[in-house]
Amino acid sequence: MGYQLFSVRTNMAKDPVATIKALKKMGYEDFEFYGFDADKDLIYGFSPLELKNILDDLQLSITSGHYGFSSYLEKSDDELKRYVDKCISAAKTLDSKYITWPYIAPEQRNLDNFKLMSRKLNLIGEQVNSAGLGFAYHNHGYEFEDYGGQNGFDIIINETDASLVKLQMDMYWVMHSSKFTPKELIKKQPGRYVMWHIKDMDKVSRDYSELGNGSIDYKEILPDPEESGLEFYYLEQGGNFKTNPMKSAADSAKYFKTNLQKYL
């Protein structure tokens, strides 16, 4: 059972080791991290090797990371390549299987930049795959916004090489923003959705919510893992905590283990 550590970012900033230990007690065994400082080669204040040793001692893993690619969208290919080399080094030290592009800034979201990003995704995918790792793109909701009959998600799907650029489906954002269900999207690109983000949607505000406390019926919308190509999944809640981030992590873990884990 995986967890995206952005969900507990305030706790990770204060005491990452205690936070990870508490998440383990809830039943989490695997993580996806964010916040790699490439200039200092640090993650949560630790070198990748130090973090790997901490995880090994706790018998835990980090199988993917969200890396800060958005600032390289309009930089040169050479600058991007140097940054990707640093990401590859960190990921290999952590024994992560995937490097993931998670986000572009609001001011970058237009059709021309989705096309530019798709070219960059192919370049990164080729570099990462050549290093023996996997590369994936994580969706939010803005990719599904309509621009005169076009949207960013279709551009990404159509202009990236499926053998180089895999997909990490955020099911909350698909249900929040897409005209399609996760099952329908996977049917169009079987085997490509190697990772999932699973989080619920508040019944009133449509913001994030603890699993089982929102409006998404995961028993109904969860796709076939084999058809998806699923390798790793991460529960997540980016905000709107009922009590606090750690209590929300515990509540989601309990609901998932009781109601959804059997489907995976």
C-alpha atoms as a PDB file:
ATOM      1  CA  MET A   1       0.000   0.000   0.000  1.00  0.00           C
ATOM      2  CA  GLY A   2       1.561   3.255  -1.184  1.00  0.00           C
ATOM      3  CA  TYR A   3       1.236   6.889  -0.092  1.00  0.00           C
ATOM      4  CA  GLN A   4       2.166  10.138  -1.839  1.00  0.00           C
ATOM      5  CA  LEU A   5       4.155  12.063   0.762  1.00  0.00           C
ATOM      6  CA  PHE A   6       2.916  15.445  -0.486  1.00  0.00           C
ATOM      7  CA  SER A   7      -0.204  14.601   1.520  1.00  0.00           C
ATOM      8  CA  VAL A   8       1.774  14.976   4.747  1.00  0.00           C
ATOM      9  CA  ARG A   9       4.152  17.685   3.581  1.00  0.00           C
ATOM     10  CA  THR A  10       3.920  19.768   6.761  1.00  0.00           C
ATOM     11  CA  ASN A  11       4.832  16.729   8.864  1.00  0.00           C
ATOM     12  CA  MET A  12       7.627  15.728   6.490  1.00  0.00           C
ATOM     13  CA  ALA A  13       9.081  19.239   6.749  1.00  0.00           C
ATOM     14  CA  LYS A  14       9.173  19.029  10.561  1.00  0.00           C
ATOM     15  CA  ASP A  15      10.282  15.428  11.168  1.00  0.00           C
ATOM     16  CA  PRO A  16      10.427  13.173   8.105  1.00  0.00           C
ATOM     17  CA  VAL A  17      11.646  10.051   9.911  1.00  0.00           C
ATOM     18  CA  ALA A  18       8.956  10.172  12.594  1.00  0.00           C
ATOM     19  CA  THR A  19       6.349  10.806   9.902  1.00  0.00           C
ATOM     20  CA  ILE A  20       7.445   7.826   7.832  1.00  0.00           C
ATOM     21  CA  LYS A  21       7.476   5.605  10.930  1.00  0.00           C
ATOM     22  CA  ALA A  22       3.928   6.703  11.787  1.00  0.00           C
ATOM     23  CA  LEU A  23       2.760   5.991   8.235  1.00  0.00           C
ATOM     24  CA  LYS A  24       4.272   2.512   8.449  1.00  0.00           C
ATOM     25  CA  LYS A  25       2.202   1.816  11.561  1.00  0.00           C
ATOM     26  CA  MET A  26      -0.903   2.717   9.535  1.00  0.00           C
ATOM     27  CA  GLY A  27       0.007   0.013   7.024  1.00  0.00           C
ATOM     28  CA  TYR A  28       1.796   2.004   4.336  1.00  0.00           C
ATOM     29  CA  GLU A  29       4.724   0.122   2.843  1.00  0.00           C
ATOM     30  CA  ASP A  30       5.742   2.197  -0.167  1.00  0.00           C
ATOM     31  CA  PHE A  31       5.949   5.904  -0.962  1.00  0.00           C
ATOM     32  CA  GLU A  32       6.158   8.449  -3.724  1.00  0.00           C
ATOM     33  CA  PHE A  33       8.181  11.513  -2.771  1.00  0.00           C
ATOM     34  CA  TYR A  34       8.320  15.099  -4.000  1.00  0.00           C
ATOM     35  CA  GLY A  35      10.746  17.974  -3.444  1.00  0.00           C
ATOM     36  CA  PHE A  36      14.102  16.818  -4.824  1.00  0.00           C
ATOM     37  CA  ASP A  37      16.677  19.604  -4.420  1.00  0.00           C
ATOM     38  CA  ALA A  38      18.913  18.905  -7.404  1.00  0.00           C
ATOM     39  CA  ASP A  39      21.403  21.662  -6.564  1.00  0.00           C
ATOM     40  CA  LYS A  40      22.107  20.215  -3.121  1.00  0.00           C
ATOM     41  CA  ASP A  41      21.233  16.582  -3.980  1.00  0.00           C
ATOM     42  CA  LEU A  42      18.845  16.418  -1.037  1.00  0.00           C
ATOM     43  CA  ILE A  43      15.396  14.937  -0.391  1.00  0.00           C
ATOM     44  CA  TYR A  44      13.749  16.026   2.871  1.00  0.00           C
ATOM     45  CA  GLY A  45      17.173  17.187   4.032  1.00  0.00           C
ATOM     46  CA  PHE A  46      18.821  13.805   3.389  1.00  0.00           C
ATOM     47  CA  SER A  47      21.076  12.657   0.604  1.00  0.00           C
ATOM     48  CA  PRO A  48      19.407   9.951  -1.524  1.00  0.00           C
ATOM     49  CA  LEU A  49      21.720   7.360   0.059  1.00  0.00           C
ATOM     50  CA  GLU A  50      20.868   8.501   3.594  1.00  0.00           C
ATOM     51  CA  LEU A  51      17.166   8.327   2.793  1.00  0.00           C
ATOM     52  CA  LYS A  52      17.572   4.892   1.227  1.00  0.00           C
ATOM     53  CA  ASN A  53      19.318   3.616   4.361  1.00  0.00           C
ATOM     54  CA  ILE A  54      16.494   4.970   6.546  1.00  0.00           C
ATOM     55  CA  LEU A  55      13.910   3.241   4.379  1.00  0.00           C
ATOM     56  CA  ASP A  56      15.873  -0.017   4.306  1.00  0.00           C
ATOM     57  CA  ASP A  57      16.052  -0.051   8.101  1.00  0.00           C
ATOM     58  CA  LEU A  58      12.265   0.313   8.212  1.00  0.00           C
ATOM     59  CA  GLN A  59      11.711  -2.213   5.362  1.00  0.00           C
ATOM     60  CA  LEU A  60      10.000   0.458   3.266  1.00  0.00           C
ATOM     61  CA  SER A  61      10.454   1.671  -0.304  1.00  0.00           C
ATOM     62  CA  ILE A  62      10.112   4.718  -2.546  1.00  0.00           C
ATOM     63  CA  THR A  63       9.115   3.508  -5.995  1.00  0.00           C
ATOM     64  CA  SER A  64       8.493   6.877  -7.658  1.00  0.00           C
ATOM     65  CA  GLY A  65       9.262  10.544  -7.239  1.00  0.00           C
ATOM     66  CA  HIS A  66       7.647  13.748  -8.468  1.00  0.00           C
ATOM     67  CA  TYR A  67      10.504  15.835  -9.863  1.00  0.00           C
ATOM     68  CA  GLY A  68      10.481  19.566 -10.661  1.00  0.00           C
ATOM     69  CA  PHE A  69      10.422  19.529 -14.444  1.00  0.00           C
ATOM     70  CA  SER A  70       8.097  22.486 -15.023  1.00  0.00           C
ATOM     71  CA  SER A  71      10.871  25.053 -14.618  1.00  0.00           C
ATOM     72  CA  TYR A  72      12.744  23.335 -17.461  1.00  0.00           C
ATOM     73  CA  LEU A  73       9.872  23.526 -19.946  1.00  0.00           C
ATOM     74  CA  GLU A  74      11.319  26.542 -21.738  1.00  0.00           C
ATOM     75  CA  LYS A  75      14.994  25.905 -20.977  1.00  0.00           C
ATOM     76  CA  SER A  76      17.392  24.336 -23.429  1.00  0.00           C
ATOM     77  CA  ASP A  77      17.479  20.616 -24.058  1.00  0.00           C
ATOM     78  CA  ASP A  78      21.037  20.537 -22.689  1.00  0.00           C
ATOM     79  CA  GLU A  79      19.935  22.124 -19.382  1.00  0.00           C
ATOM     80  CA  LEU A  80      17.083  19.655 -19.153  1.00  0.00           C
ATOM     81  CA  LYS A  81      19.410  16.735 -19.872  1.00  0.00           C
ATOM     82  CA  ARG A  82      21.741  17.765 -17.043  1.00  0.00           C
ATOM     83  CA  TYR A  83      18.819  17.993 -14.637  1.00  0.00           C
ATOM     84  CA  VAL A  84      17.477  14.606 -15.727  1.00  0.00           C
ATOM     85  CA  ASP A  85      20.910  13.073 -15.089  1.00  0.00           C
ATOM     86  CA  LYS A  86      20.644  14.270 -11.469  1.00  0.00           C
ATOM     87  CA  CYS A  87      17.132  12.823 -11.187  1.00  0.00           C
ATOM     88  CA  ILE A  88      18.329   9.500 -12.571  1.00  0.00           C
ATOM     89  CA  SER A  89      21.186   9.371 -10.079  1.00  0.00           C
ATOM     90  CA  ALA A  90      18.822  10.050  -7.158  1.00  0.00           C
ATOM     91  CA  ALA A  91      16.243   7.535  -8.369  1.00  0.00           C
ATOM     92  CA  LYS A  92      18.834   4.802  -8.839  1.00  0.00           C
ATOM     93  CA  THR A  93      20.236   5.390  -5.359  1.00  0.00           C
ATOM     94  CA  LEU A  94      16.729   5.143  -3.917  1.00  0.00           C
ATOM     95  CA  ASP A  95      16.061   2.025  -6.011  1.00  0.00           C
ATOM     96  CA  SER A  96      12.993   3.752  -7.435  1.00  0.00           C
ATOM     97  CA  LYS A  97      11.573   2.351 -10.636  1.00  0.00           C
ATOM     98  CA  TYR A  98       9.952   5.563 -11.897  1.00  0.00           C
ATOM     99  CA  ILE A  99      10.714   9.221 -12.401  1.00  0.00           C
ATOM    100  CA  THR A 100       7.494  11.213 -12.808  1.00  0.00           C
ATOM    101  CA  TRP A 101       6.689  14.622 -14.324  1.00  0.00           C
ATOM    102  CA  PRO A 102       3.928  15.905 -12.034  1.00  0.00           C
ATOM    103  CA  TYR A 103       2.921  19.434 -12.951  1.00  0.00           C
ATOM    104  CA  ILE A 104       3.236  22.582 -15.014  1.00  0.00           C
ATOM    105  CA  ALA A 105       2.615  26.048 -13.611  1.00  0.00           C
ATOM    106  CA  PRO A 106      -0.683  27.865 -14.335  1.00  0.00           C
ATOM    107  CA  GLU A 107       0.995  30.384 -16.638  1.00  0.00           C
ATOM    108  CA  GLN A 108       2.404  27.525 -18.740  1.00  0.00           C
ATOM    109  CA  ARG A 109      -0.948  25.921 -19.506  1.00  0.00           C
ATOM    110  CA  ASN A 110      -1.751  26.504 -23.173  1.00  0.00           C
ATOM    111  CA  LEU A 111      -1.841  24.384 -26.321  1.00  0.00           C
ATOM    112  CA  ASP A 112       1.596  25.459 -27.560  1.00  0.00           C
ATOM    113  CA  ASN A 113       3.164  24.478 -24.252  1.00  0.00           C
ATOM    114  CA  PHE A 114       1.363  21.140 -24.173  1.00  0.00           C
ATOM    115  CA  LYS A 115       2.988  20.450 -27.548  1.00  0.00           C
ATOM    116  CA  LEU A 116       6.359  21.672 -26.281  1.00  0.00           C
ATOM    117  CA  MET A 117       5.981  19.580 -23.144  1.00  0.00           C
ATOM    118  CA  SER A 118       5.176  16.485 -25.199  1.00  0.00           C
ATOM    119  CA  ARG A 119       8.475  16.893 -27.056  1.00  0.00           C
ATOM    120  CA  LYS A 120      10.282  17.292 -23.727  1.00  0.00           C
ATOM    121  CA  LEU A 121       8.498  14.241 -22.325  1.00  0.00           C
ATOM    122  CA  ASN A 122       9.812  12.149 -25.211  1.00  0.00           C
ATOM    123  CA  LEU A 123      13.353  13.432 -24.657  1.00  0.00           C
ATOM    124  CA  ILE A 124      13.217  12.680 -20.934  1.00  0.00           C
ATOM    125  CA  GLY A 125      11.604   9.310 -21.544  1.00  0.00           C
ATOM    126  CA  GLU A 126      14.387   8.282 -23.911  1.00  0.00           C
ATOM    127  CA  GLN A 127      17.068   9.404 -21.448  1.00  0.00           C
ATOM    128  CA  VAL A 128      15.431   7.772 -18.427  1.00  0.00           C
ATOM    129  CA  ASN A 129      14.629   4.531 -20.216  1.00  0.00           C
ATOM    130  CA  SER A 130      18.208   4.326 -21.516  1.00  0.00           C
ATOM    131  CA  ALA A 131      19.314   4.460 -17.890  1.00  0.00           C
ATOM    132  CA  GLY A 132      17.146   1.447 -17.072  1.00  0.00           C
ATOM    133  CA  LEU A 133      14.333   3.342 -15.323  1.00  0.00           C
ATOM    134  CA  GLY A 134      10.741   4.157 -16.207  1.00  0.00           C
ATOM    135  CA  PHE A 135       9.301   7.610 -16.867  1.00  0.00           C
ATOM    136  CA  ALA A 136       5.686   8.730 -16.456  1.00  0.00           C
ATOM    137  CA  TYR A 137       3.447  11.787 -16.714  1.00  0.00           C
ATOM    138  CA  HIS A 138       0.974  12.586 -13.917  1.00  0.00           C
ATOM    139  CA  ASN A 139      -2.295  14.285 -14.867  1.00  0.00           C
ATOM    140  CA  HIS A 140      -4.188  16.966 -13.006  1.00  0.00           C
ATOM    141  CA  GLY A 141      -7.397  18.550 -14.257  1.00  0.00           C
ATOM    142  CA  TYR A 142      -6.105  21.343 -16.485  1.00  0.00           C
ATOM    143  CA  GLU A 143      -5.062  18.880 -19.210  1.00  0.00           C
ATOM    144  CA  PHE A 144      -8.756  18.178 -19.863  1.00  0.00           C
ATOM    145  CA  GLU A 145      -9.761  21.830 -20.329  1.00  0.00           C
ATOM    146  CA  ASP A 146     -11.150  22.591 -23.769  1.00  0.00           C
ATOM    147  CA  TYR A 147      -9.325  24.935 -26.134  1.00  0.00           C
ATOM    148  CA  GLY A 148     -11.631  25.183 -29.126  1.00  0.00           C
ATOM    149  CA  GLY A 149     -12.116  21.446 -29.444  1.00  0.00           C
ATOM    150  CA  GLN A 150      -8.601  20.514 -28.335  1.00  0.00           C
ATOM    151  CA  ASN A 151      -7.168  19.687 -24.934  1.00  0.00           C
ATOM    152  CA  GLY A 152      -3.758  19.110 -23.449  1.00  0.00           C
ATOM    153  CA  PHE A 153      -4.392  15.508 -22.513  1.00  0.00           C
ATOM    154  CA  ASP A 154      -5.089  14.456 -26.107  1.00  0.00           C
ATOM    155  CA  ILE A 155      -1.933  16.248 -27.227  1.00  0.00           C
ATOM    156  CA  ILE A 156       0.134  14.429 -24.618  1.00  0.00           C
ATOM    157  CA  ILE A 157      -1.398  11.065 -25.521  1.00  0.00           C
ATOM    158  CA  ASN A 158      -1.000  11.551 -29.267  1.00  0.00           C
ATOM    159  CA  GLU A 159       2.411  13.233 -29.379  1.00  0.00           C
ATOM    160  CA  THR A 160       4.362  11.142 -26.888  1.00  0.00           C
ATOM    161  CA  ASP A 161       5.861   7.715 -27.472  1.00  0.00           C
ATOM    162  CA  ALA A 162       3.921   5.210 -25.374  1.00  0.00           C
ATOM    163  CA  SER A 163       7.015   3.031 -25.048  1.00  0.00           C
ATOM    164  CA  LEU A 164       8.976   5.895 -23.466  1.00  0.00           C
ATOM    165  CA  VAL A 165       6.342   7.908 -21.609  1.00  0.00           C
ATOM    166  CA  LYS A 166       4.021   5.987 -19.318  1.00  0.00           C
ATOM    167  CA  LEU A 167       1.088   7.536 -17.460  1.00  0.00           C
ATOM    168  CA  GLN A 168       0.265   8.014 -13.803  1.00  0.00           C
ATOM    169  CA  MET A 169      -3.496   8.398 -13.498  1.00  0.00           C
ATOM    170  CA  ASP A 170      -4.814  10.682 -10.783  1.00  0.00           C
ATOM    171  CA  MET A 171      -8.306   9.277 -10.474  1.00  0.00           C
ATOM    172  CA  TYR A 172      -9.609  12.223  -8.465  1.00  0.00           C
ATOM    173  CA  TRP A 173      -8.715  14.628 -11.261  1.00  0.00           C
ATOM    174  CA  VAL A 174     -10.121  12.330 -13.927  1.00  0.00           C
ATOM    175  CA  MET A 175     -13.447  12.184 -12.096  1.00  0.00           C
ATOM    176  CA  HIS A 176     -13.329  15.913 -11.316  1.00  0.00           C
ATOM    177  CA  SER A 177     -12.407  17.197 -14.764  1.00  0.00           C
ATOM    178  CA  SER A 178     -12.618  14.595 -17.507  1.00  0.00           C
ATOM    179  CA  LYS A 179     -15.563  13.553 -19.626  1.00  0.00           C
ATOM    180  CA  PHE A 180     -14.267  10.000 -19.319  1.00  0.00           C
ATOM    181  CA  THR A 181     -14.024   7.506 -16.486  1.00  0.00           C
ATOM    182  CA  PRO A 182     -10.713   5.851 -15.541  1.00  0.00           C
ATOM    183  CA  LYS A 183     -11.930   2.650 -17.171  1.00  0.00           C
ATOM    184  CA  GLU A 184     -12.647   4.450 -20.449  1.00  0.00           C
ATOM    185  CA  LEU A 185      -9.267   6.182 -20.511  1.00  0.00           C
ATOM    186  CA  ILE A 186      -7.443   2.922 -19.861  1.00  0.00           C
ATOM    187  CA  LYS A 187      -9.388   1.175 -22.600  1.00  0.00           C
ATOM    188  CA  LYS A 188      -7.933   3.735 -25.037  1.00  0.00           C
ATOM    189  CA  GLN A 189      -4.367   3.238 -23.786  1.00  0.00           C
ATOM    190  CA  PRO A 190      -4.196  -0.260 -22.266  1.00  0.00           C
ATOM    191  CA  GLY A 191      -0.985  -1.135 -20.494  1.00  0.00           C
ATOM    192  CA  ARG A 192       0.206   2.466 -20.299  1.00  0.00           C
ATOM    193  CA  TYR A 193      -1.207   3.531 -16.916  1.00  0.00           C
ATOM    194  CA  VAL A 194       1.505   1.998 -14.759  1.00  0.00           C
ATOM    195  CA  MET A 195       0.691   4.036 -11.622  1.00  0.00           C
ATOM    196  CA  TRP A 196      -2.460   5.359  -9.965  1.00  0.00           C
ATOM    197  CA  HIS A 197      -3.236   8.100  -7.458  1.00  0.00           C
ATOM    198  CA  ILE A 198      -6.299   7.255  -5.413  1.00  0.00           C
ATOM    199  CA  LYS A 199      -8.037  10.027  -3.478  1.00  0.00           C
ATOM    200  CA  ASP A 200     -11.639  11.002  -2.773  1.00  0.00           C
ATOM    201  CA  MET A 201     -13.689  14.121  -3.620  1.00  0.00           C
ATOM    202  CA  ASP A 202     -15.663  16.128  -1.056  1.00  0.00           C
ATOM    203  CA  LYS A 203     -19.380  15.717  -1.658  1.00  0.00           C
ATOM    204  CA  VAL A 204     -20.061  19.471  -1.420  1.00  0.00           C
ATOM    205  CA  SER A 205     -16.942  21.441  -2.297  1.00  0.00           C
ATOM    206  CA  ARG A 206     -15.453  18.839  -4.706  1.00  0.00           C
ATOM    207  CA  ASP A 207     -12.126  19.435  -2.960  1.00  0.00           C
ATOM    208  CA  TYR A 208     -10.030  16.523  -1.714  1.00  0.00           C
ATOM    209  CA  SER A 209     -11.362  14.254   1.003  1.00  0.00           C
ATOM    210  CA  GLU A 210     -10.458  11.155   2.988  1.00  0.00           C
ATOM    211  CA  LEU A 211     -11.194   7.871   1.208  1.00  0.00           C
ATOM    212  CA  GLY A 212     -14.728   6.769   1.979  1.00  0.00           C
ATOM    213  CA  ASN A 213     -15.742  10.256   3.048  1.00  0.00           C
ATOM    214  CA  GLY A 214     -16.340  11.642  -0.440  1.00  0.00           C
ATOM    215  CA  SER A 215     -18.358  11.182  -3.609  1.00  0.00           C
ATOM    216  CA  ILE A 216     -16.180   8.819  -5.669  1.00  0.00           C
ATOM    217  CA  ASP A 217     -17.436   5.238  -5.637  1.00  0.00           C
ATOM    218  CA  TYR A 218     -14.139   3.434  -6.073  1.00  0.00           C
ATOM    219  CA  LYS A 219     -15.783   0.031  -5.996  1.00  0.00           C
ATOM    220  CA  GLU A 220     -17.488   1.115  -9.213  1.00  0.00           C
ATOM    221  CA  ILE A 221     -14.789   3.121 -10.993  1.00  0.00           C
ATOM    222  CA  LEU A 222     -11.586   1.156 -10.218  1.00  0.00           C
ATOM    223  CA  PRO A 223     -10.250  -0.224 -13.522  1.00  0.00           C
ATOM    224  CA  ASP A 224      -8.777  -3.654 -14.139  1.00  0.00           C
ATOM    225  CA  PRO A 225      -5.183  -3.427 -12.842  1.00  0.00           C
ATOM    226  CA  GLU A 226      -3.918  -5.852 -15.481  1.00  0.00           C
ATOM    227  CA  GLU A 227      -5.520  -3.935 -18.357  1.00  0.00           C
ATOM    228  CA  SER A 228      -4.096  -0.719 -16.904  1.00  0.00           C
ATOM    229  CA  GLY A 229      -0.572  -2.110 -16.660  1.00  0.00           C
ATOM    230  CA  LEU A 230      -0.604  -1.141 -12.987  1.00  0.00           C
ATOM    231  CA  GLU A 231       2.667  -1.525 -11.092  1.00  0.00           C
ATOM    232  CA  PHE A 232       2.284   0.906  -8.173  1.00  0.00           C
ATOM    233  CA  TYR A 233      -0.505   2.911  -6.580  1.00  0.00           C
ATOM    234  CA  TYR A 234      -0.444   5.674  -3.995  1.00  0.00           C
ATOM    235  CA  LEU A 235      -3.227   6.959  -1.786  1.00  0.00           C
ATOM    236  CA  GLU A 236      -3.175  10.733  -1.565  1.00  0.00           C
ATOM    237  CA  GLN A 237      -4.946  13.742  -0.076  1.00  0.00           C
ATOM    238  CA  GLY A 238      -3.494  17.089  -1.021  1.00  0.00           C
ATOM    239  CA  GLY A 239      -5.535  19.138   1.460  1.00  0.00           C
ATOM    240  CA  ASN A 240      -8.975  19.746   2.980  1.00  0.00           C
ATOM    241  CA  PHE A 241      -8.172  17.479   5.936  1.00  0.00           C
ATOM    242  CA  LYS A 242     -11.055  16.723   8.269  1.00  0.00           C
ATOM    243  CA  THR A 243      -8.774  16.914  11.321  1.00  0.00           C
ATOM    244  CA  ASN A 244      -5.098  16.928  10.287  1.00  0.00           C
ATOM    245  CA  PRO A 245      -2.932  15.299   7.601  1.00  0.00           C
ATOM    246  CA  MET A 246      -1.836  12.300   9.670  1.00  0.00           C
ATOM    247  CA  LYS A 247      -5.358  11.499  10.871  1.00  0.00           C
ATOM    248  CA  SER A 248      -6.539  11.693   7.266  1.00  0.00           C
ATOM    249  CA  ALA A 249      -3.739   9.329   6.205  1.00  0.00           C
ATOM    250  CA  ALA A 250      -4.841   6.861   8.894  1.00  0.00           C
ATOM    251  CA  ASP A 251      -8.531   7.139   7.964  1.00  0.00           C
ATOM    252  CA  SER A 252      -7.812   6.588   4.269  1.00  0.00           C
ATOM    253  CA  ALA A 253      -5.579   3.604   5.038  1.00  0.00           C
ATOM    254  CA  LYS A 254      -8.258   1.982   7.158  1.00  0.00           C
ATOM    255  CA  TYR A 255     -10.955   2.474   4.524  1.00  0.00           C
ATOM    256  CA  PHE A 256      -8.699   1.269   1.718  1.00  0.00           C
ATOM    257  CA  LYS A 257      -7.614  -1.898   3.501  1.00  0.00           C
ATOM    258  CA  THR A 258     -11.207  -2.750   4.435  1.00  0.00           C
ATOM    259  CA  ASN A 259     -12.967  -1.884   1.185  1.00  0.00           C
ATOM    260  CA  LEU A 260     -10.639  -1.534  -1.802  1.00  0.00           C
ATOM    261  CA  GLN A 261      -7.353  -3.388  -1.389  1.00  0.00           C
ATOM    262  CA  LYS A 262      -8.937  -6.674  -2.393  1.00  0.00           C
ATOM    263  CA  TYR A 263      -9.537  -5.294  -5.895  1.00  0.00           C
ATOM    264  CA  LEU A 264      -5.806  -4.745  -6.427  1.00  0.00           C
END
